C-alpha atoms as a PDB file:
ATOM      1  CA  MET A   1     -19.995 155.413 105.370  1.00  0.00           C
ATOM      2  CA  LEU A   2     -21.448 157.305 102.391  1.00  0.00           C
ATOM      3  CA  ASN A   3     -24.841 158.802 102.706  1.00  0.00           C
ATOM      4  CA  LEU A   4     -27.294 157.970  99.401  1.00  0.00           C
ATOM      5  CA  PRO A   5     -26.791 161.033  97.807  1.00  0.00           C
ATOM      6  CA  ASN A   6     -23.220 160.491  97.608  1.00  0.00           C
ATOM      7  CA  LYS A   7     -23.728 156.733  96.590  1.00  0.00           C
ATOM      8  CA  LYS A   8     -25.968 158.119  93.944  1.00  0.00           C
ATOM      9  CA  LYS A   9     -23.573 160.711  92.798  1.00  0.00           C
ATOM     10  CA  TYR A  10     -20.778 158.237  92.582  1.00  0.00           C
ATOM     11  CA  LYS A  11     -22.476 154.932  91.350  1.00  0.00           C
ATOM     12  CA  PHE A  12     -24.658 156.362  88.321  1.00  0.00           C
ATOM     13  CA  PHE A  13     -21.913 155.288  85.519  1.00  0.00           C
ATOM     14  CA  PHE A  14     -23.667 154.573  81.877  1.00  0.00           C
ATOM     15  CA  ILE A  15     -21.695 153.102  79.110  1.00  0.00           C
ATOM     16  CA  ILE A  16     -23.473 152.421  76.001  1.00  0.00           C
ATOM     17  CA  ILE A  17     -22.650 149.672  73.288  1.00  0.00           C
ATOM     18  CA  PHE A  18     -23.336 150.262  69.598  1.00  0.00           C
ATOM     19  CA  SER A  19     -23.338 148.026  66.722  1.00  0.00           C
ATOM     20  CA  ILE A  20     -24.351 148.313  62.961  1.00  0.00           C
ATOM     21  CA  ALA A  21     -26.031 145.584  60.909  1.00  0.00           C
ATOM     22  CA  ILE A  22     -26.597 146.001  57.164  1.00  0.00           C
ATOM     23  CA  LEU A  23     -29.553 143.807  56.571  1.00  0.00           C
ATOM     24  CA  LEU A  24     -28.536 142.964  52.627  1.00  0.00           C
ATOM     25  CA  PRO A  25     -24.889 142.552  51.787  1.00  0.00           C
ATOM     26  CA  ALA A  26     -22.685 145.321  50.950  1.00  0.00           C
ATOM     27  CA  SER A  27     -21.056 144.990  47.724  1.00  0.00           C
ATOM     28  CA  ILE A  28     -18.404 147.118  45.866  1.00  0.00           C
ATOM     29  CA  TYR A  29     -18.269 148.503  42.056  1.00  0.00           C
ATOM     30  CA  ALA A  30     -16.993 146.157  39.612  1.00  0.00           C
ATOM     31  CA  ALA A  31     -16.662 147.002  35.934  1.00  0.00           C
ATOM     32  CA  ILE A  32     -17.822 144.602  33.306  1.00  0.00           C
ATOM     33  CA  SER A  33     -15.103 143.652  30.706  1.00  0.00           C
ATOM     34  CA  CYS A  34     -15.740 142.023  27.303  1.00  0.00           C
ATOM     35  CA  SER A  35     -13.649 140.670  24.487  1.00  0.00           C
ATOM     36  CA  VAL A  36     -14.072 138.575  21.340  1.00  0.00           C
ATOM     37  CA  THR A  37     -12.373 135.295  21.995  1.00  0.00           C
ATOM     38  CA  THR A  38     -13.186 131.654  21.070  1.00  0.00           C
ATOM     39  CA  SER A  39     -15.916 129.661  22.892  1.00  0.00           C
ATOM     40  CA  ALA A  40     -13.289 127.241  24.378  1.00  0.00           C
ATOM     41  CA  LEU A  41     -11.332 130.194  25.995  1.00  0.00           C
ATOM     42  CA  CYS A  42     -14.340 132.316  27.080  1.00  0.00           C
ATOM     43  CA  SER A  43     -14.372 131.731  31.026  1.00  0.00           C
ATOM     44  CA  GLY A  44     -17.485 134.102  31.340  1.00  0.00           C
ATOM     45  CA  THR A  45     -20.720 134.882  29.925  1.00  0.00           C
ATOM     46  CA  VAL A  46     -21.156 134.608  26.172  1.00  0.00           C
ATOM     47  CA  LEU A  47     -23.517 137.449  24.871  1.00  0.00           C
ATOM     48  CA  LEU A  48     -23.287 137.067  20.924  1.00  0.00           C
ATOM     49  CA  ARG A  49     -21.548 134.609  18.441  1.00  0.00           C
ATOM     50  CA  MET A  50     -20.283 135.794  15.136  1.00  0.00           C
ATOM     51  CA  SER A  51     -19.096 134.052  12.093  1.00  0.00           C
ATOM     52  CA  GLY A  52     -15.863 135.686  11.675  1.00  0.00           C
ATOM     53  CA  SER A  53     -13.950 138.825  13.130  1.00  0.00           C
ATOM     54  CA  THR A  54     -15.267 141.127  10.559  1.00  0.00           C
ATOM     55  CA  ASN A  55     -17.849 141.188   7.904  1.00  0.00           C
ATOM     56  CA  ALA A  56     -19.607 138.477   9.860  1.00  0.00           C
ATOM     57  CA  HIS A  57     -22.979 137.242  10.546  1.00  0.00           C
ATOM     58  CA  ALA A  58     -24.523 136.918  14.292  1.00  0.00           C
ATOM     59  CA  GLU A  59     -26.087 134.280  16.188  1.00  0.00           C
ATOM     60  CA  LEU A  60     -27.681 134.023  19.435  1.00  0.00           C
ATOM     61  CA  PRO A  61     -25.622 132.829  22.357  1.00  0.00           C
ATOM     62  CA  THR A  62     -27.916 129.850  22.711  1.00  0.00           C
ATOM     63  CA  GLN A  63     -26.678 128.765  19.311  1.00  0.00           C
ATOM     64  CA  SER A  64     -23.857 126.237  18.664  1.00  0.00           C
ATOM     65  CA  THR A  65     -23.005 126.571  15.007  1.00  0.00           C
ATOM     66  CA  THR A  66     -19.522 125.315  14.651  1.00  0.00           C
ATOM     67  CA  ASN A  67     -18.029 128.156  12.365  1.00  0.00           C
ATOM     68  CA  TYR A  68     -19.285 130.802  14.956  1.00  0.00           C
ATOM     69  CA  ASP A  69     -17.185 129.318  17.645  1.00  0.00           C
ATOM     70  CA  SER A  70     -13.971 131.350  17.123  1.00  0.00           C
ATOM     71  CA  ASN A  71     -15.431 134.794  17.590  1.00  0.00           C
ATOM     72  CA  VAL A  72     -17.684 134.847  20.518  1.00  0.00           C
ATOM     73  CA  VAL A  73     -18.457 138.089  22.782  1.00  0.00           C
ATOM     74  CA  CYS A  74     -17.164 137.027  26.181  1.00  0.00           C
ATOM     75  CA  CYS A  75     -17.865 139.345  29.242  1.00  0.00           C
ATOM     76  CA  THR A  76     -16.545 139.029  32.993  1.00  0.00           C
ATOM     77  CA  GLY A  77     -16.259 141.095  35.735  1.00  0.00           C
ATOM     78  CA  VAL A  78     -19.617 141.125  37.302  1.00  0.00           C
ATOM     79  CA  THR A  79     -21.117 138.602  39.520  1.00  0.00           C
ATOM     80  CA  GLY A  80     -24.518 137.542  38.162  1.00  0.00           C
ATOM     81  CA  LEU A  81     -23.776 138.348  34.673  1.00  0.00           C
ATOM     82  CA  SER A  82     -26.266 136.685  32.184  1.00  0.00           C
ATOM     83  CA  ASN A  83     -27.338 136.672  28.601  1.00  0.00           C
ATOM     84  CA  SER A  84     -30.993 135.617  29.483  1.00  0.00           C
ATOM     85  CA  CYS A  85     -33.703 137.883  27.863  1.00  0.00           C
ATOM     86  CA  ALA A  86     -36.274 136.261  30.430  1.00  0.00           C
ATOM     87  CA  SER A  87     -34.271 138.307  33.449  1.00  0.00           C
ATOM     88  CA  SER A  88     -36.249 140.860  35.149  1.00  0.00           C
ATOM     89  CA  ASN A  89     -33.146 142.899  34.864  1.00  0.00           C
ATOM     90  CA  LYS A  90     -31.864 143.000  31.399  1.00  0.00           C
ATOM     91  CA  VAL A  91     -31.308 145.477  28.476  1.00  0.00           C
ATOM     92  CA  ILE A  92     -31.344 144.478  24.701  1.00  0.00           C
ATOM     93  CA  PHE A  93     -28.302 145.466  23.099  1.00  0.00           C
ATOM     94  CA  ALA A  94     -29.068 144.281  19.433  1.00  0.00           C
ATOM     95  CA  ARG A  95     -31.929 142.947  17.449  1.00  0.00           C
ATOM     96  CA  LEU A  96     -31.087 140.101  15.076  1.00  0.00           C
ATOM     97  CA  SER A  97     -32.924 138.716  11.801  1.00  0.00           C
ATOM     98  CA  GLY A  98     -32.659 135.329  12.862  1.00  0.00           C
ATOM     99  CA  VAL A  99     -31.335 132.946  15.716  1.00  0.00           C
ATOM    100  CA  THR A 100     -28.253 132.431  13.449  1.00  0.00           C
ATOM    101  CA  ASN A 101     -26.802 133.696  10.013  1.00  0.00           C
ATOM    102  CA  ALA A 102     -28.352 136.987  11.027  1.00  0.00           C
ATOM    103  CA  HIS A 103     -27.553 140.808  10.456  1.00  0.00           C
ATOM    104  CA  VAL A 104     -27.912 143.128  13.061  1.00  0.00           C
ATOM    105  CA  GLU A 105     -29.964 146.288  14.232  1.00  0.00           C
ATOM    106  CA  LYS A 106     -29.786 148.759  17.096  1.00  0.00           C
ATOM    107  CA  ASN A 107     -32.121 148.233  20.111  1.00  0.00           C
ATOM    108  CA  THR A 108     -33.707 151.506  19.008  1.00  0.00           C
ATOM    109  CA  GLU A 109     -35.402 150.060  15.892  1.00  0.00           C
ATOM    110  CA  SER A 110     -38.260 148.001  15.579  1.00  0.00           C
ATOM    111  CA  ASN A 111     -38.061 146.347  12.181  1.00  0.00           C
ATOM    112  CA  PRO A 112     -40.573 143.341  12.135  1.00  0.00           C
ATOM    113  CA  ASN A 113     -37.901 141.202  10.463  1.00  0.00           C
ATOM    114  CA  TYR A 114     -35.529 141.473  13.428  1.00  0.00           C
ATOM    115  CA  THR A 115     -37.342 139.831  15.918  1.00  0.00           C
ATOM    116  CA  GLN A 116     -34.694 137.830  18.072  1.00  0.00           C
ATOM    117  CA  ASN A 117     -33.177 139.952  20.899  1.00  0.00           C
ATOM    118  CA  ALA A 118     -29.511 139.702  22.131  1.00  0.00           C
ATOM    119  CA  CYS A 119     -29.406 140.881  25.777  1.00  0.00           C
ATOM    120  CA  LEU A 120     -27.297 141.866  28.811  1.00  0.00           C
ATOM    121  CA  ALA A 121     -28.579 140.952  31.952  1.00  0.00           C
ATOM    122  CA  SER A 122     -27.941 140.501  35.679  1.00  0.00           C
ATOM    123  CA  THR A 123     -29.439 138.203  38.154  1.00  0.00           C
ATOM    124  CA  TYR A 124     -29.187 141.049  40.550  1.00  0.00           C
ATOM    125  CA  ALA A 125     -32.400 143.295  40.362  1.00  0.00           C
ATOM    126  CA  GLY A 126     -30.114 146.186  41.826  1.00  0.00           C
ATOM    127  CA  ASP A 127     -27.607 146.334  39.107  1.00  0.00           C
ATOM    128  CA  ILE A 128     -27.908 149.094  36.613  1.00  0.00           C
ATOM    129  CA  ILE A 129     -27.400 147.982  32.964  1.00  0.00           C
ATOM    130  CA  THR A 130     -26.495 150.756  30.253  1.00  0.00           C
ATOM    131  CA  VAL A 131     -25.735 150.022  26.613  1.00  0.00           C
ATOM    132  CA  GLY A 132     -25.335 152.500  23.784  1.00  0.00           C
ATOM    133  CA  TYR A 133     -23.802 153.068  20.396  1.00  0.00           C
ATOM    134  CA  GLN A 134     -20.752 155.255  19.773  1.00  0.00           C
ATOM    135  CA  THR A 135     -18.413 155.958  16.955  1.00  0.00           C
ATOM    136  CA  THR A 136     -14.694 155.641  17.387  1.00  0.00           C
ATOM    137  CA  ASN A 137     -14.597 154.416  21.003  1.00  0.00           C
ATOM    138  CA  CYS A 138     -16.691 153.361  23.987  1.00  0.00           C
ATOM    139  CA  THR A 139     -15.753 156.300  26.433  1.00  0.00           C
ATOM    140  CA  GLY A 140     -18.158 156.659  29.289  1.00  0.00           C
ATOM    141  CA  TYR A 141     -18.736 153.008  29.195  1.00  0.00           C
ATOM    142  CA  ASP A 142     -16.961 149.960  31.024  1.00  0.00           C
ATOM    143  CA  THR A 143     -16.454 148.206  27.854  1.00  0.00           C
ATOM    144  CA  THR A 144     -16.934 147.364  24.041  1.00  0.00           C
ATOM    145  CA  LEU A 145     -19.036 144.526  23.010  1.00  0.00           C
ATOM    146  CA  PHE A 146     -18.479 144.404  19.531  1.00  0.00           C
ATOM    147  CA  SER A 147     -18.630 146.749  16.447  1.00  0.00           C
ATOM    148  CA  MET A 148     -21.242 147.368  13.551  1.00  0.00           C
ATOM    149  CA  GLU A 149     -20.577 147.939   9.840  1.00  0.00           C
ATOM    150  CA  LYS A 150     -23.346 150.312   9.590  1.00  0.00           C
ATOM    151  CA  THR A 151     -26.223 151.566  11.508  1.00  0.00           C
ATOM    152  CA  PRO A 152     -28.964 151.660  12.814  1.00  0.00           C
ATOM    153  CA  THR A 153     -30.107 148.359  10.716  1.00  0.00           C
ATOM    154  CA  ASN A 154     -29.175 145.672   8.307  1.00  0.00           C
ATOM    155  CA  SER A 155     -25.593 145.301   9.480  1.00  0.00           C
ATOM    156  CA  MET A 156     -22.873 142.914   9.361  1.00  0.00           C
ATOM    157  CA  VAL A 157     -20.749 142.810  12.477  1.00  0.00           C
ATOM    158  CA  GLY A 158     -17.188 142.281  13.606  1.00  0.00           C
ATOM    159  CA  ASN A 159     -14.807 142.272  16.731  1.00  0.00           C
ATOM    160  CA  THR A 160     -14.100 145.515  18.614  1.00  0.00           C
ATOM    161  CA  SER A 161     -11.608 146.971  16.057  1.00  0.00           C
ATOM    162  CA  ALA A 162     -13.369 145.995  12.753  1.00  0.00           C
ATOM    163  CA  TYR A 163     -15.421 148.908  12.452  1.00  0.00           C
ATOM    164  CA  THR A 164     -16.038 152.516  13.923  1.00  0.00           C
ATOM    165  CA  ASN A 165     -19.532 151.827  14.972  1.00  0.00           C
ATOM    166  CA  LYS A 166     -19.189 150.637  18.408  1.00  0.00           C
ATOM    167  CA  VAL A 167     -21.766 148.533  20.850  1.00  0.00           C
ATOM    168  CA  CYS A 168     -21.003 149.766  24.396  1.00  0.00           C
ATOM    169  CA  ALA A 169     -21.951 148.513  27.789  1.00  0.00           C
ATOM    170  CA  LYS A 170     -21.577 149.529  31.554  1.00  0.00           C
ATOM    171  CA  ILE A 171     -22.946 148.077  34.669  1.00  0.00           C
ATOM    172  CA  VAL A 172     -23.317 149.750  37.834  1.00  0.00           C
ATOM    173  CA  THR A 173     -23.596 147.372  40.918  1.00  0.00           C
ATOM    174  CA  GLN A 174     -25.640 149.121  43.773  1.00  0.00           C
ATOM    175  CA  SER A 175     -23.793 149.324  46.935  1.00  0.00           C
ATOM    176  CA  ILE A 176     -24.039 150.796  50.246  1.00  0.00           C
ATOM    177  CA  SER A 177     -21.122 151.728  52.808  1.00  0.00           C
ATOM    178  CA  VAL A 178     -21.502 152.315  56.248  1.00  0.00           C
ATOM    179  CA  ASN A 179     -19.128 153.265  58.973  1.00  0.00           C
ATOM    180  CA  LEU A 180     -19.518 153.698  62.415  1.00  0.00           C
ATOM    181  CA  SER A 181     -17.081 156.100  64.412  1.00  0.00           C
ATOM    182  CA  SER A 182     -17.171 154.262  67.625  1.00  0.00           C
ATOM    183  CA  ASN A 183     -18.647 151.202  68.983  1.00  0.00           C
ATOM    184  CA  SER A 184     -19.316 152.573  72.604  1.00  0.00           C
ATOM    185  CA  ALA A 185     -20.194 155.878  74.577  1.00  0.00           C
ATOM    186  CA  GLY A 186     -20.592 156.816  78.169  1.00  0.00           C
ATOM    187  CA  PHE A 187     -22.234 159.687  80.137  1.00  0.00           C
ATOM    188  CA  GLY A 188     -19.799 159.280  83.019  1.00  0.00           C
ATOM    189  CA  TYR A 189     -21.624 159.871  86.488  1.00  0.00           C
ATOM    190  CA  LEU A 190     -25.359 160.692  86.001  1.00  0.00           C
ATOM    191  CA  SER A 191     -26.703 163.561  88.147  1.00  0.00           C
ATOM    192  CA  SER A 192     -30.216 164.793  89.120  1.00  0.00           C
ATOM    193  CA  THR A 193     -29.166 168.228  88.878  1.00  0.00           C
ATOM    194  CA  GLY A 194     -28.749 168.348  84.957  1.00  0.00           C
ATOM    195  CA  PRO A 195     -28.555 166.459  81.926  1.00  0.00           C
ATOM    196  CA  ARG A 196     -25.346 164.192  81.051  1.00  0.00           C
ATOM    197  CA  TYR A 197     -24.367 163.758  77.209  1.00  0.00           C
ATOM    198  CA  ALA A 198     -22.638 160.645  76.363  1.00  0.00           C
ATOM    199  CA  THR A 199     -19.043 160.929  74.668  1.00  0.00           C
ATOM    200  CA  SER A 200     -17.096 158.279  72.745  1.00  0.00           C
ATOM    201  CA  SER A 201     -14.202 158.689  75.517  1.00  0.00           C
ATOM    202  CA  GLY A 202     -16.823 157.295  78.098  1.00  0.00           C
ATOM    203  CA  THR A 203     -16.530 160.510  80.447  1.00  0.00           C
ATOM    204  CA  GLY A 204     -19.629 162.240  79.321  1.00  0.00           C
ATOM    205  CA  SER A 205     -20.315 166.142  79.211  1.00  0.00           C
ATOM    206  CA  ASN A 206     -22.443 168.489  80.796  1.00  0.00           C
ATOM    207  CA  THR A 207     -23.170 170.364  77.488  1.00  0.00           C
ATOM    208  CA  GLU A 208     -24.571 168.803  74.367  1.00  0.00           C
ATOM    209  CA  THR A 209     -21.996 167.090  72.112  1.00  0.00           C
ATOM    210  CA  GLU A 210     -21.580 164.057  69.831  1.00  0.00           C
ATOM    211  CA  ALA A 211     -21.448 160.681  71.086  1.00  0.00           C
ATOM    212  CA  PHE A 212     -20.379 159.282  67.593  1.00  0.00           C
ATOM    213  CA  ASN A 213     -21.601 159.378  63.912  1.00  0.00           C
ATOM    214  CA  VAL A 214     -22.841 157.177  61.388  1.00  0.00           C
ATOM    215  CA  SER A 215     -21.656 157.526  57.878  1.00  0.00           C
ATOM    216  CA  VAL A 216     -23.970 156.195  55.056  1.00  0.00           C
ATOM    217  CA  THR A 217     -22.979 156.263  51.221  1.00  0.00           C
ATOM    218  CA  THR A 218     -25.025 154.335  48.589  1.00  0.00           C
ATOM    219  CA  ASN A 219     -26.119 154.349  45.012  1.00  0.00           C
ATOM    220  CA  ALA A 220     -29.161 152.245  45.592  1.00  0.00           C
ATOM    221  CA  SER A 221     -31.753 153.837  43.287  1.00  0.00           C
ATOM    222  CA  ASN A 222     -34.102 153.954  46.119  1.00  0.00           C
ATOM    223  CA  GLY A 223     -31.724 155.109  48.964  1.00  0.00           C
ATOM    224  CA  TYR A 224     -31.930 153.375  52.150  1.00  0.00           C
ATOM    225  CA  THR A 225     -33.534 153.318  55.520  1.00  0.00           C
ATOM    226  CA  MET A 226     -31.748 153.232  58.850  1.00  0.00           C
ATOM    227  CA  TYR A 227     -33.453 151.710  62.077  1.00  0.00           C
ATOM    228  CA  ILE A 228     -32.603 151.680  65.760  1.00  0.00           C
ATOM    229  CA  THR A 229     -33.194 148.609  67.967  1.00  0.00           C
ATOM    230  CA  GLY A 230     -32.346 148.234  71.731  1.00  0.00           C
ATOM    231  CA  ASP A 231     -33.761 149.034  75.200  1.00  0.00           C
ATOM    232  CA  THR A 232     -33.514 152.361  77.553  1.00  0.00           C
ATOM    233  CA  LEU A 233     -30.908 152.530  79.903  1.00  0.00           C
ATOM    234  CA  LYS A 234     -31.215 149.650  82.360  1.00  0.00           C
ATOM    235  CA  ASN A 235     -29.868 148.000  85.647  1.00  0.00           C
ATOM    236  CA  GLY A 236     -31.272 144.983  86.146  1.00  0.00           C
ATOM    237  CA  ILE A 237     -34.793 145.497  85.961  1.00  0.00           C
ATOM    238  CA  VAL A 238     -34.693 149.130  86.926  1.00  0.00           C
ATOM    239  CA  GLU A 239     -34.697 151.309  84.171  1.00  0.00           C
ATOM    240  CA  ILE A 240     -34.580 155.071  83.083  1.00  0.00           C
ATOM    241  CA  THR A 241     -37.635 156.203  81.318  1.00  0.00           C
ATOM    242  CA  PRO A 242     -37.320 156.836  77.451  1.00  0.00           C
ATOM    243  CA  LEU A 243     -38.575 159.857  75.914  1.00  0.00           C
ATOM    244  CA  LEU A 244     -41.246 158.419  73.490  1.00  0.00           C
ATOM    245  CA  THR A 245     -41.763 162.056  71.671  1.00  0.00           C
ATOM    246  CA  ASN A 246     -39.376 164.647  70.837  1.00  0.00           C
ATOM    247  CA  THR A 247     -38.715 166.890  73.780  1.00  0.00           C
ATOM    248  CA  THR A 248     -36.043 168.441  75.959  1.00  0.00           C
ATOM    249  CA  PRO A 249     -35.425 166.567  79.218  1.00  0.00           C
ATOM    250  CA  THR A 250     -36.167 168.179  82.519  1.00  0.00           C
ATOM    251  CA  PRO A 251     -33.260 168.130  85.202  1.00  0.00           C
ATOM    252  CA  GLY A 252     -34.360 165.859  88.126  1.00  0.00           C
ATOM    253  CA  THR A 253     -36.476 163.321  86.070  1.00  0.00           C
ATOM    254  CA  ASN A 254     -35.629 160.013  84.673  1.00  0.00           C
ATOM    255  CA  ALA A 255     -35.424 160.406  80.980  1.00  0.00           C
ATOM    256  CA  PHE A 256     -32.984 158.721  78.229  1.00  0.00           C
ATOM    257  CA  GLY A 257     -33.310 159.855  74.550  1.00  0.00           C
ATOM    258  CA  LEU A 258     -31.121 160.686  71.339  1.00  0.00           C
ATOM    259  CA  ARG A 259     -31.358 162.709  68.233  1.00  0.00           C
ATOM    260  CA  ALA A 260     -29.509 162.938  65.214  1.00  0.00           C
ATOM    261  CA  VAL A 261     -28.155 165.661  62.980  1.00  0.00           C
ATOM    262  CA  PRO A 262     -27.214 164.875  59.409  1.00  0.00           C
ATOM    263  CA  THR A 263     -24.141 166.662  57.742  1.00  0.00           C
ATOM    264  CA  GLY A 264     -22.286 165.932  54.822  1.00  0.00           C
ATOM    265  CA  ALA A 265     -22.933 166.070  51.026  1.00  0.00           C
ATOM    266  CA  GLY A 266     -25.775 163.183  50.646  1.00  0.00           C
ATOM    267  CA  ASN A 267     -29.554 163.656  50.704  1.00  0.00           C
ATOM    268  CA  GLY A 268     -30.204 161.777  53.906  1.00  0.00           C
ATOM    269  CA  THR A 269     -32.692 163.097  56.478  1.00  0.00           C
ATOM    270  CA  VAL A 270     -33.807 162.326  59.928  1.00  0.00           C
ATOM    271  CA  LEU A 271     -37.288 160.994  60.518  1.00  0.00           C
ATOM    272  CA  SER A 272     -39.479 161.869  63.574  1.00  0.00           C
ATOM    273  CA  PRO A 273     -39.185 161.571  66.590  1.00  0.00           C
ATOM    274  CA  TYR A 274     -35.485 162.325  66.053  1.00  0.00           C
ATOM    275  CA  ALA A 275     -35.620 165.093  64.043  1.00  0.00           C
ATOM    276  CA  GLY A 276     -36.519 167.823  66.513  1.00  0.00           C
ATOM    277  CA  SER A 277     -34.203 170.019  68.610  1.00  0.00           C
ATOM    278  CA  GLY A 278     -34.958 167.980  71.403  1.00  0.00           C
ATOM    279  CA  PHE A 279     -34.376 164.008  72.352  1.00  0.00           C
ATOM    280  CA  ALA A 280     -36.559 160.862  71.930  1.00  0.00           C
ATOM    281  CA  PHE A 281     -36.255 157.221  71.909  1.00  0.00           C
ATOM    282  CA  ASP A 282     -39.157 154.733  71.025  1.00  0.00           C
ATOM    283  CA  ALA A 283     -37.395 151.828  70.166  1.00  0.00           C
ATOM    284  CA  THR A 284     -37.151 148.415  72.348  1.00  0.00           C
ATOM    285  CA  SER A 285     -34.943 145.357  71.861  1.00  0.00           C
ATOM    286  CA  THR A 286     -37.694 143.752  69.609  1.00  0.00           C
ATOM    287  CA  THR A 287     -39.187 146.468  68.008  1.00  0.00           C
ATOM    288  CA  PRO A 288     -37.188 148.760  65.703  1.00  0.00           C
ATOM    289  CA  SER A 289     -37.741 152.561  65.530  1.00  0.00           C
ATOM    290  CA  TYR A 290     -37.303 154.544  61.815  1.00  0.00           C
ATOM    291  CA  ILE A 291     -34.314 156.999  62.560  1.00  0.00           C
ATOM    292  CA  ALA A 292     -33.413 158.168  58.922  1.00  0.00           C
ATOM    293  CA  GLU A 293     -33.811 157.555  55.410  1.00  0.00           C
ATOM    294  CA  SER A 294     -32.771 158.547  51.894  1.00  0.00           C
ATOM    295  CA  THR A 295     -35.122 158.313  48.887  1.00  0.00           C
ATOM    296  CA  SER A 296     -32.605 158.334  46.312  1.00  0.00           C
ATOM    297  CA  GLY A 297     -29.012 157.074  45.865  1.00  0.00           C
ATOM    298  CA  ASP A 298     -26.769 159.991  45.227  1.00  0.00           C
ATOM    299  CA  GLY A 299     -23.472 158.326  45.801  1.00  0.00           C
ATOM    300  CA  LEU A 300     -22.678 161.034  48.446  1.00  0.00           C
ATOM    301  CA  GLU A 301     -22.078 160.468  52.125  1.00  0.00           C
ATOM    302  CA  THR A 302     -24.403 161.604  54.764  1.00  0.00           C
ATOM    303  CA  ILE A 303     -23.020 161.812  58.198  1.00  0.00           C
ATOM    304  CA  TYR A 304     -25.357 161.391  61.132  1.00  0.00           C
ATOM    305  CA  SER A 305     -23.907 163.138  64.263  1.00  0.00           C
ATOM    306  CA  MET A 306     -25.772 161.026  66.901  1.00  0.00           C
ATOM    307  CA  ARG A 307     -26.136 162.711  70.540  1.00  0.00           C
ATOM    308  CA  THR A 308     -27.575 160.885  73.461  1.00  0.00           C
ATOM    309  CA  VAL A 309     -28.988 162.704  76.785  1.00  0.00           C
ATOM    310  CA  ALA A 310     -29.820 161.027  80.273  1.00  0.00           C
ATOM    311  CA  THR A 311     -31.172 162.600  83.440  1.00  0.00           C
ATOM    312  CA  ILE A 312     -32.123 160.924  86.613  1.00  0.00           C
ATOM    313  CA  ASP A 313     -34.223 161.874  89.763  1.00  0.00           C
ATOM    314  CA  SER A 314     -32.988 161.742  93.242  1.00  0.00           C
ATOM    315  CA  VAL A 315     -34.621 158.447  94.251  1.00  0.00           C
ATOM    316  CA  LEU A 316     -33.398 156.247  91.480  1.00  0.00           C
ATOM    317  CA  ASP A 317     -31.533 152.966  92.538  1.00  0.00           C
ATOM    318  CA  TYR A 318     -27.900 153.506  92.019  1.00  0.00           C
ATOM    319  CA  GLY A 319     -25.827 151.419  90.014  1.00  0.00           C
ATOM    320  CA  ASN A 320     -24.487 150.811  86.312  1.00  0.00           C
ATOM    321  CA  TYR A 321     -27.098 151.437  83.987  1.00  0.00           C
ATOM    322  CA  SER A 322     -26.393 150.266  80.306  1.00  0.00           C
ATOM    323  CA  THR A 323     -27.867 149.214  77.127  1.00  0.00           C
ATOM    324  CA  ASN A 324     -27.017 147.875  73.707  1.00  0.00           C
ATOM    325  CA  LEU A 325     -28.101 149.658  70.505  1.00  0.00           C
ATOM    326  CA  THR A 326     -27.967 148.274  66.976  1.00  0.00           C
ATOM    327  CA  TYR A 327     -28.220 150.593  63.821  1.00  0.00           C
ATOM    328  CA  ILE A 328     -29.805 148.755  61.056  1.00  0.00           C
ATOM    329  CA  ILE A 329     -29.207 150.065  57.401  1.00  0.00           C
ATOM    330  CA  VAL A 330     -31.537 148.421  54.809  1.00  0.00           C
ATOM    331  CA  PRO A 331     -30.650 149.439  51.092  1.00  0.00           C
ATOM    332  CA  ASN A 332     -33.732 150.286  48.935  1.00  0.00           C
ATOM    333  CA  TYR A 333     -32.724 148.541  45.450  1.00  0.00           C
END
């Protein structure tokens, strides 16, 4: 028959399960693509209508003049694409002298006779829309919308090859990419003589090491926030005491905590109480805890090396102690 210390030595086993949740759908980059085609063949969004392929007048996409049906600026490739100037996320790409039979000027002009706006818009607030004017080509942009006979104002218009003055556009869909290196980690057998550190192999270590990592990359304009939810280590109603403030656990006491160490080229930072040299854990299964953030989307990867520690005293009930932690990433569009 084993004595109590031996029971404790060989029965304190811990495994921790990790998961990731992204509160807003992650999306991928998609380029806007535009061409001048007929109204009947346009399967996307019409941004502008023209009376011909060159030396043409323009009309707004809301109009339906018959002889403008054969030369429309038709755009596809981006979900949520719109021509609505009422959209909260829009860029004016041209100003017209009327709703139809109009001359065109750049969006940088403010001629009082050019009061009709032609807009490129997105129904997604996070999309970054850019338009510009270049000669010869639209290098640096996704696509060419149409061309202008002259700039900056009182211009006739034509298809993309009619004139050297190009009207260009680009849409960057804000996105976030998250990777979890392992969905479980374990301490192995816990001891009252010193701390144990979790490893993805489940065997644990007596020296501090990485349990797993969370990698985050985003171009969201305001970065992201990372939360954690979950309980401390439990065996039924018996639990190992969480470290509510950043500290180094004392051997022979009940304690559970984690900390994060940021690496990589991204600008993500770790938040209190997880940012110190010690360990902490102040989340519950119903109350999230901030763990890291980025305040701007640099498009570069931050890798958070997650380390977890556990210590026990000599009288804690033996058994299998476990928890399920969820890391929640919220892009700030």
